[in-house]
């Protein structure tokens, strides 16, 4: 952010690398949205443009057309909330769920 070109290049490279991986998932799963989270989200403004360019440029056109790419709003607590949700869902799951005749 202070004009350090080497640091900017690192974040651009990181955004491109993440974008390549995510575009494979977009092509395979065709999600409505990609929500980015994690420790480096505070630097999203530095890598998100390169990330989004990679995803949109290299995804199948139909998949990329309406894809929404957003940073997570829950921050680091998002992982905890997701884990707790899975645990609660499993706890209250009916024992006959998934049984077929």
Protein backbone atom coordinates (compact mmCIF):
# COMPACT_ATOMS: atom_id res chain seq x y z
CA UNK A 1 0.00 0.00 0.00
CA UNK A 2 3.01 2.24 0.49
CA UNK A 3 4.22 1.74 -3.07
CA UNK A 4 6.54 -1.22 -2.43
CA UNK A 5 6.56 -2.80 -5.88
CA UNK A 6 8.07 -6.08 -4.68
CA UNK A 7 5.34 -6.51 -2.07
CA UNK A 8 2.66 -5.60 -4.60
CA UNK A 9 4.06 -8.21 -7.00
CA UNK A 10 3.87 -10.87 -4.29
CA UNK A 11 0.19 -10.13 -3.61
CA UNK A 12 -0.59 -10.05 -7.33
CA UNK A 13 1.12 -13.42 -7.78
CA UNK A 14 -0.79 -14.78 -4.77
CA UNK A 15 -4.09 -13.56 -6.23
CA UNK A 16 -3.35 -15.20 -9.57
CA UNK A 17 -2.36 -18.51 -7.95
CA UNK A 18 -5.51 -18.58 -5.82
CA UNK A 19 -7.57 -17.63 -8.86
CA UNK A 20 -6.23 -20.56 -10.86
CA UNK A 21 -7.23 -23.00 -8.13
CA UNK A 22 -10.65 -21.47 -7.61
CA UNK A 23 -11.44 -21.31 -11.33
CA UNK A 24 -11.06 -25.10 -11.42
CA UNK A 25 -13.65 -25.37 -8.65
CA UNK A 26 -15.92 -22.87 -10.42
CA UNK A 27 -15.74 -24.91 -13.63
CA UNK A 28 -16.41 -28.15 -11.76
CA UNK A 29 -19.08 -27.06 -9.27
CA UNK A 30 -20.66 -23.97 -10.90
CA UNK A 31 -21.31 -22.15 -7.59
CA UNK A 32 -23.43 -19.02 -7.35
CA UNK A 33 -20.80 -17.31 -5.22
CA UNK A 34 -17.22 -17.58 -4.03
CA UNK A 35 -16.72 -16.28 -0.50
CA UNK A 36 -13.12 -15.57 0.48
CA UNK A 37 -12.06 -15.78 4.08
CA UNK A 38 -8.96 -16.33 6.15
CA UNK A 39 -6.07 -14.54 7.73
CA UNK A 40 -5.02 -12.54 4.67
CA UNK A 41 -8.43 -11.07 4.02
CA UNK A 42 -7.22 -7.79 5.49
CA UNK A 43 -5.08 -7.52 2.34
CA UNK A 44 -7.93 -8.35 -0.06
CA UNK A 45 -7.55 -5.03 -1.83
CA UNK A 46 -4.02 -6.09 -2.79
CA UNK A 47 -4.77 -9.53 -4.25
CA UNK A 48 -8.50 -9.56 -5.06
CA UNK A 49 -8.22 -7.81 -8.47
CA UNK A 50 -5.69 -10.40 -9.75
CA UNK A 51 -7.72 -13.22 -8.17
CA UNK A 52 -10.98 -12.12 -9.76
CA UNK A 53 -9.34 -11.56 -13.15
CA UNK A 54 -7.95 -15.12 -13.14
CA UNK A 55 -11.25 -16.66 -12.09
CA UNK A 56 -13.33 -14.77 -14.62
CA UNK A 57 -10.89 -14.99 -17.53
CA UNK A 58 -10.23 -18.73 -17.23
CA UNK A 59 -13.60 -20.08 -16.08
CA UNK A 60 -16.14 -21.34 -18.56
CA UNK A 61 -18.13 -18.30 -19.76
CA UNK A 62 -21.48 -19.56 -18.48
CA UNK A 63 -20.05 -20.29 -15.03
CA UNK A 64 -18.24 -16.95 -14.76
CA UNK A 65 -21.09 -14.80 -16.07
CA UNK A 66 -23.19 -14.53 -12.91
CA UNK A 67 -20.54 -15.58 -10.38
CA UNK A 68 -20.38 -13.36 -7.30
CA UNK A 69 -16.97 -13.03 -5.60
CA UNK A 70 -17.07 -11.45 -2.15
CA UNK A 71 -14.94 -11.30 0.99
CA UNK A 72 -16.38 -13.05 4.04
CA UNK A 73 -18.20 -10.77 6.46
CA UNK A 74 -17.79 -12.92 9.56
CA UNK A 75 -14.01 -12.67 9.67
CA UNK A 76 -12.10 -15.37 11.51
CA UNK A 77 -15.21 -16.34 13.49
CA UNK A 78 -16.75 -17.67 10.28
CA UNK A 79 -14.80 -20.90 10.62
CA UNK A 80 -16.01 -21.37 14.18
CA UNK A 81 -19.61 -20.63 13.26
CA UNK A 82 -19.42 -23.14 10.39
CA UNK A 83 -17.94 -25.84 12.61
CA UNK A 84 -20.55 -25.23 15.31
CA UNK A 85 -23.33 -25.37 12.72
CA UNK A 86 -22.11 -28.76 11.48
CA UNK A 87 -21.91 -30.10 15.03
CA UNK A 88 -25.42 -28.92 15.93
CA UNK A 89 -26.85 -30.29 12.68
CA UNK A 90 -25.26 -33.69 13.33
CA UNK A 91 -26.49 -33.70 16.94
CA UNK A 92 -30.11 -33.10 15.91
CA UNK A 93 -30.05 -35.38 12.86
CA UNK A 94 -32.78 -37.99 12.93
CA UNK A 95 -31.40 -41.52 13.35
CA UNK A 96 -33.43 -42.75 10.36
CA UNK A 97 -32.04 -40.13 8.01
CA UNK A 98 -30.48 -41.80 5.01
CA UNK A 99 -32.13 -45.19 5.66
CA UNK A 100 -33.68 -46.72 2.55
CA UNK A 101 -35.96 -49.67 2.05
